[in-house]
């Protein structure tokens, strides 16, 4: 009976959901820092009227997302609804993503937040931020990208032993843009974690802590800081360099006008730079780090998304 009432009352529901891509770590902030980017996953969700799910998918790597059984957005939406004790109606999902898969730009985090948002829309109530994170952490154990794509801006996140997240937005200079060089090479998060050591020397951990704390302040007003050295990392980038030719050269780029810092985006394979000007020249230098090793790449200059996930109800068709 409850399912029947839900199906009748939701037949005219039609929602649009927009979730930003994200970069994470920013060098020393391993599994802590996230930054939302002006590159998006868009979803339109409405009842299909047939009782079954229908997917219409376009954009980056669309062919990889067509299989319903492996579509993370749909899986998360179903499981979130079940956890909140209701069943979704058959859905027609129109999905367009500009976020490439397995490039360190938060495609899975965006899909997870998108799936939870679908369930939230059809639940007819708002989920709290803590509820969203509790659900999201069932699908992705690391909160950095999740925090950025949900809240927008520059975020720091921590997960406690109860698997709930403590998240804060940090100040960010309004002049900053993100330049990315996205290679054809894919690197899975699983593989990128496998190359990391089980333990670290104390000096490496202390160095990252110092740089991450100071970087969280420096990015609020970059004109007041010489911040290039604060992007230095000893916990993940030196080990992941064996998976990504050109990474070592990129993080050692000489000083350039407008360049604030260079880092591996998430677990890779994208190279990212923060800058206040001279964006195209910096992007070409990142691409050259790849081309020197025979890798082609696509360069983009991205704004920083400061709003995070958005949902709105559309008029029924």
Protein backbone atom coordinates (compact mmCIF):
# COMPACT_ATOMS: atom_id res chain seq x y z
CA UNK A 1 0.00 0.00 0.00
CA UNK A 2 2.79 2.45 0.89
CA UNK A 3 4.54 1.74 -2.41
CA UNK A 4 1.28 2.27 -4.31
CA UNK A 5 0.69 5.61 -2.61
CA UNK A 6 4.27 6.67 -3.38
CA UNK A 7 3.90 5.72 -7.03
CA UNK A 8 0.60 7.62 -7.41
CA UNK A 9 1.76 10.74 -5.57
CA UNK A 10 5.10 10.91 -7.39
CA UNK A 11 3.89 10.40 -10.94
CA UNK A 12 4.19 14.11 -11.74
CA UNK A 13 7.53 14.59 -10.00
CA UNK A 14 10.26 15.90 -12.31
CA UNK A 15 13.58 17.05 -10.90
CA UNK A 16 16.85 18.50 -12.16
CA UNK A 17 20.03 17.78 -10.21
CA UNK A 18 23.44 19.32 -10.84
CA UNK A 19 26.60 18.09 -9.12
CA UNK A 20 30.08 19.54 -9.67
CA UNK A 21 33.26 17.64 -10.38
CA UNK A 22 36.00 17.95 -7.81
CA UNK A 23 39.70 17.69 -7.29
CA UNK A 24 41.18 16.49 -4.03
CA UNK A 25 44.32 16.32 -1.88
CA UNK A 26 45.86 19.47 -3.43
CA UNK A 27 49.25 17.96 -2.67
CA UNK A 28 49.64 17.60 1.11
CA UNK A 29 45.96 17.39 2.11
CA UNK A 30 45.71 13.64 1.46
CA UNK A 31 42.13 12.39 2.01
CA UNK A 32 41.25 15.76 3.60
CA UNK A 33 41.07 18.61 1.07
CA UNK A 34 38.51 18.85 -1.71
CA UNK A 35 37.80 21.58 -4.25
CA UNK A 36 34.64 21.78 -6.38
CA UNK A 37 35.11 22.50 -10.08
CA UNK A 38 33.01 24.11 -12.79
CA UNK A 39 32.52 20.81 -14.60
CA UNK A 40 29.22 19.04 -14.01
CA UNK A 41 27.08 15.94 -13.80
CA UNK A 42 23.50 16.81 -14.72
CA UNK A 43 20.52 14.55 -14.04
CA UNK A 44 16.86 14.90 -14.89
CA UNK A 45 14.72 12.38 -13.02
CA UNK A 46 11.04 11.61 -13.49
CA UNK A 47 8.85 8.52 -13.22
CA UNK A 48 9.04 6.41 -16.37
CA UNK A 49 5.38 5.44 -16.24
CA UNK A 50 6.30 1.83 -17.01
CA UNK A 51 7.50 0.61 -13.63
CA UNK A 52 10.98 -0.02 -15.04
CA UNK A 53 14.03 2.20 -15.17
CA UNK A 54 15.10 3.91 -18.39
CA UNK A 55 18.51 5.54 -18.85
CA UNK A 56 19.37 8.20 -21.41
CA UNK A 57 23.07 8.98 -21.07
CA UNK A 58 25.30 11.44 -22.92
CA UNK A 59 28.65 13.10 -22.33
CA UNK A 60 32.07 11.91 -21.23
CA UNK A 61 32.52 8.12 -21.25
CA UNK A 62 28.77 7.64 -21.76
CA UNK A 63 29.17 4.09 -23.08
CA UNK A 64 30.61 2.99 -19.72
CA UNK A 65 27.49 4.16 -17.88
CA UNK A 66 24.74 2.53 -19.96
CA UNK A 67 24.48 -0.77 -18.07
CA UNK A 68 21.82 -0.42 -15.36
CA UNK A 69 23.44 -3.10 -13.22
CA UNK A 70 26.70 -1.13 -13.12
CA UNK A 71 25.26 2.40 -13.10
CA UNK A 72 26.38 3.90 -9.80
CA UNK A 73 23.80 6.70 -9.83
CA UNK A 74 20.90 4.26 -10.08
CA UNK A 75 22.42 1.84 -7.55
CA UNK A 76 22.88 4.60 -4.98
CA UNK A 77 19.36 5.97 -5.56
CA UNK A 78 17.81 2.51 -5.01
CA UNK A 79 19.82 1.74 -1.88
CA UNK A 80 19.26 5.18 -0.38
CA UNK A 81 15.51 4.86 -0.88
CA UNK A 82 15.54 1.40 0.71
CA UNK A 83 17.51 2.74 3.69
CA UNK A 84 14.78 5.36 4.14
CA UNK A 85 12.04 2.73 3.89
CA UNK A 86 10.48 3.52 0.55
CA UNK A 87 10.71 2.18 -2.97
CA UNK A 88 11.46 4.38 -5.94
CA UNK A 89 9.03 4.32 -8.85
CA UNK A 90 10.36 3.25 -12.23
CA UNK A 91 12.53 6.17 -13.28
CA UNK A 92 13.43 7.84 -16.52
CA UNK A 93 16.90 9.30 -15.94
CA UNK A 94 18.40 11.72 -18.41
CA UNK A 95 22.07 11.92 -17.47
CA UNK A 96 24.73 14.14 -18.98
CA UNK A 97 28.21 14.18 -17.52
CA UNK A 98 31.19 16.31 -18.48
CA UNK A 99 33.31 14.51 -15.85
CA UNK A 100 35.61 11.84 -17.35
CA UNK A 101 35.93 8.54 -15.51
CA UNK A 102 39.05 7.42 -13.61
CA UNK A 103 40.91 10.72 -14.08
CA UNK A 104 40.89 12.00 -10.48
CA UNK A 105 38.06 14.48 -11.02
CA UNK A 106 35.51 13.03 -8.63
CA UNK A 107 33.25 11.20 -11.10
CA UNK A 108 32.25 8.55 -8.54
CA UNK A 109 31.64 11.13 -5.78
CA UNK A 110 29.40 13.13 -8.14
CA UNK A 111 27.49 9.97 -9.07
CA UNK A 112 27.00 9.08 -5.39
CA UNK A 113 25.74 12.54 -4.45
CA UNK A 114 23.55 12.49 -7.57
CA UNK A 115 22.02 9.14 -6.63
CA UNK A 116 21.32 10.22 -3.06
CA UNK A 117 19.76 13.41 -4.43
CA UNK A 118 17.36 11.39 -6.60
CA UNK A 119 16.19 9.44 -3.57
CA UNK A 120 15.90 12.67 -1.56
CA UNK A 121 13.71 14.27 -4.22
CA UNK A 122 11.30 11.33 -4.28
CA UNK A 123 11.27 10.99 -0.49
CA UNK A 124 9.44 14.33 -0.29
CA UNK A 125 11.67 15.60 2.52
CA UNK A 126 15.11 17.15 2.81
CA UNK A 127 18.02 15.03 4.01
CA UNK A 128 20.41 16.64 6.48
CA UNK A 129 24.06 17.01 5.55
CA UNK A 130 24.98 14.35 8.12
CA UNK A 131 22.41 11.93 6.62
CA UNK A 132 23.82 12.47 3.15
CA UNK A 133 27.35 11.78 4.31
CA UNK A 134 26.35 8.66 6.25
CA UNK A 135 24.79 7.25 3.10
CA UNK A 136 27.59 8.43 0.80
CA UNK A 137 30.31 6.85 2.93
CA UNK A 138 28.73 3.44 2.34
CA UNK A 139 29.78 3.78 -1.31
CA UNK A 140 33.04 5.75 -1.02
CA UNK A 141 35.13 5.59 2.11
CA UNK A 142 36.99 8.87 1.60
CA UNK A 143 35.10 12.14 2.21
CA UNK A 144 37.28 14.67 0.35
CA UNK A 145 35.56 14.64 -3.06
CA UNK A 146 32.14 13.99 -1.49
CA UNK A 147 32.44 17.11 0.66
CA UNK A 148 33.45 19.34 -2.23
CA UNK A 149 30.74 18.23 -4.65
CA UNK A 150 28.01 18.44 -1.99
CA UNK A 151 28.98 21.79 -0.43
CA UNK A 152 31.05 23.48 -3.15
CA UNK A 153 34.17 25.57 -2.69
CA UNK A 154 37.28 24.47 -0.79
CA UNK A 155 36.56 21.89 1.90
CA UNK A 156 38.26 19.88 4.60
CA UNK A 157 36.68 16.63 5.77
CA UNK A 158 37.29 13.97 8.42
CA UNK A 159 35.57 10.62 9.06
CA UNK A 160 35.23 9.35 12.64
CA UNK A 161 35.05 5.76 13.84
CA UNK A 162 31.23 5.79 13.50
CA UNK A 163 31.64 6.56 9.77
CA UNK A 164 30.12 10.00 10.05
CA UNK A 165 31.87 12.99 8.50
CA UNK A 166 32.94 16.28 10.00
CA UNK A 167 33.20 18.81 7.18
CA UNK A 168 34.05 22.50 6.92
CA UNK A 169 34.31 24.94 4.02
CA UNK A 170 37.54 26.91 4.03
CA UNK A 171 38.23 30.44 2.72
CA UNK A 172 39.32 30.61 -0.90
CA UNK A 173 40.69 33.53 -2.88
CA UNK A 174 38.18 34.66 -5.50
CA UNK A 175 40.88 35.12 -8.15
CA UNK A 176 41.84 31.44 -8.28
CA UNK A 177 41.11 29.18 -11.24
CA UNK A 178 42.01 25.53 -11.79
CA UNK A 179 43.88 24.43 -14.90
CA UNK A 180 43.68 20.73 -15.68
CA UNK A 181 45.51 18.55 -18.18
CA UNK A 182 43.46 15.37 -18.64
CA UNK A 183 45.31 12.52 -20.36
CA UNK A 184 43.80 9.56 -22.17
CA UNK A 185 45.32 7.32 -19.51
CA UNK A 186 42.91 6.08 -16.82
CA UNK A 187 44.08 5.23 -13.29
CA UNK A 188 41.66 3.45 -10.96
CA UNK A 189 41.51 4.60 -7.34
CA UNK A 190 42.12 1.00 -6.28
CA UNK A 191 45.37 0.79 -8.23
CA UNK A 192 46.47 4.25 -7.05
CA UNK A 193 46.02 3.14 -3.42
CA UNK A 194 47.80 -0.16 -3.95
CA UNK A 195 51.09 1.59 -4.70
CA UNK A 196 51.07 3.46 -1.36
CA UNK A 197 53.16 2.06 1.51
CA UNK A 198 51.50 0.67 4.67
CA UNK A 199 53.55 2.98 6.93
CA UNK A 200 55.44 6.28 6.57
CA UNK A 201 58.48 7.85 8.21
CA UNK A 202 57.58 10.37 10.89
CA UNK A 203 59.36 13.17 9.02
CA UNK A 204 57.12 12.63 5.96
CA UNK A 205 53.94 12.79 8.02
CA UNK A 206 55.09 15.91 9.87
CA UNK A 207 56.01 17.61 6.60
CA UNK A 208 52.55 16.97 5.14
CA UNK A 209 50.80 18.16 8.30
CA UNK A 210 52.78 21.41 8.29
CA UNK A 211 52.16 22.08 4.61
CA UNK A 212 48.45 21.20 4.74
CA UNK A 213 47.71 23.45 7.72
CA UNK A 214 49.55 26.40 6.21
CA UNK A 215 48.08 25.80 2.74
CA UNK A 216 44.54 25.91 4.17
CA UNK A 217 45.28 29.48 5.26
CA UNK A 218 47.34 30.55 2.24
CA UNK A 219 44.61 29.77 -0.29
CA UNK A 220 42.28 32.25 1.38
CA UNK A 221 44.34 35.17 0.10
CA UNK A 222 47.10 34.02 -2.19
CA UNK A 223 48.62 37.45 -2.80
CA UNK A 224 49.82 37.47 0.83
CA UNK A 225 51.71 34.17 0.63
CA UNK A 226 54.44 32.48 -1.38
CA UNK A 227 52.62 29.16 -1.43
CA UNK A 228 54.36 27.02 -4.08
CA UNK A 229 56.36 25.04 -1.50
CA UNK A 230 53.19 24.35 0.54
CA UNK A 231 51.92 22.00 -2.20
CA UNK A 232 54.82 19.66 -1.48
CA UNK A 233 53.67 16.14 -0.58
CA UNK A 234 55.47 13.03 0.69
CA UNK A 235 52.54 10.66 1.27
CA UNK A 236 51.08 9.86 -2.15
CA UNK A 237 52.47 11.75 -5.15
CA UNK A 238 56.02 10.30 -5.02
CA UNK A 239 54.56 6.77 -5.09
CA UNK A 240 51.91 7.46 -7.72
CA UNK A 241 54.52 9.00 -10.03
CA UNK A 242 55.40 5.46 -11.17
CA UNK A 243 51.85 5.18 -12.59
CA UNK A 244 51.83 8.56 -14.31
CA UNK A 245 54.72 9.64 -16.55
CA UNK A 246 55.12 13.43 -16.36
CA UNK A 247 53.88 13.89 -12.80
CA UNK A 248 57.33 14.49 -11.32
CA UNK A 249 58.14 17.12 -13.97
CA UNK A 250 54.79 18.85 -13.42
CA UNK A 251 55.13 19.29 -9.66
CA UNK A 252 58.66 20.62 -10.22
CA UNK A 253 57.66 23.26 -12.79
CA UNK A 254 59.66 26.47 -12.35
CA UNK A 255 58.04 29.66 -11.14
CA UNK A 256 55.63 31.19 -13.68
CA UNK A 257 53.50 34.33 -13.61
CA UNK A 258 50.16 33.59 -11.96
CA UNK A 259 51.04 30.03 -10.91
CA UNK A 260 50.11 29.22 -7.31
CA UNK A 261 50.77 25.47 -7.19
CA UNK A 262 50.72 22.18 -9.12
CA UNK A 263 49.44 18.82 -7.88
CA UNK A 264 48.04 15.45 -8.90
CA UNK A 265 44.24 15.69 -9.03
CA UNK A 266 42.94 13.07 -6.62
CA UNK A 267 44.51 9.71 -7.40
CA UNK A 268 45.13 10.72 -11.03
CA UNK A 269 45.56 10.72 -13.88
CA UNK A 270 44.78 14.45 -14.26
CA UNK A 271 47.42 17.08 -13.53
CA UNK A 272 46.03 20.24 -11.91
CA UNK A 273 47.31 23.71 -11.17
CA UNK A 274 45.89 26.61 -9.20
CA UNK A 275 46.56 30.01 -10.72
CA UNK A 276 45.39 33.60 -10.71
CA UNK A 277 46.42 34.46 -14.31
CA UNK A 278 48.38 33.19 -17.33
CA UNK A 279 46.08 30.17 -17.43
CA UNK A 280 46.64 29.02 -21.02
CA UNK A 281 50.42 29.16 -20.75
CA UNK A 282 50.37 27.17 -17.53
CA UNK A 283 48.03 24.63 -19.11
CA UNK A 284 50.35 24.16 -22.07
CA UNK A 285 53.25 23.54 -19.70
CA UNK A 286 51.23 20.82 -17.97
CA UNK A 287 50.40 19.25 -21.32
CA UNK A 288 54.07 19.29 -22.27
CA UNK A 289 54.87 17.24 -19.17
CA UNK A 290 52.65 14.54 -20.67
CA UNK A 291 53.70 14.95 -24.30
CA UNK A 292 57.35 14.53 -23.30
CA UNK A 293 56.35 10.97 -22.41
CA UNK A 294 54.16 10.32 -25.44
CA UNK A 295 50.83 11.02 -23.70
CA UNK A 296 48.22 13.27 -25.31
CA UNK A 297 45.95 15.31 -23.04
CA UNK A 298 43.09 17.78 -23.05
CA UNK A 299 43.59 21.08 -21.27
CA UNK A 300 40.78 23.04 -19.60
CA UNK A 301 40.66 26.20 -17.50
CA UNK A 302 37.93 25.71 -14.89
CA UNK A 303 36.20 28.03 -12.51
CA UNK A 304 35.73 26.94 -8.90
CA UNK A 305 32.15 25.94 -8.13
CA UNK A 306 31.12 27.65 -4.89
CA UNK A 307 27.55 26.31 -4.56
CA UNK A 308 27.91 22.53 -4.67
CA UNK A 309 25.01 20.19 -5.39
CA UNK A 310 21.80 21.86 -6.60
CA UNK A 311 18.33 20.38 -7.03
CA UNK A 312 15.19 21.96 -8.40
CA UNK A 313 11.75 20.77 -9.26
CA UNK A 314 10.69 21.07 -12.89
CA UNK A 315 7.20 21.45 -14.29
CA UNK A 316 5.70 18.07 -15.27
CA UNK A 317 5.82 17.31 -19.00
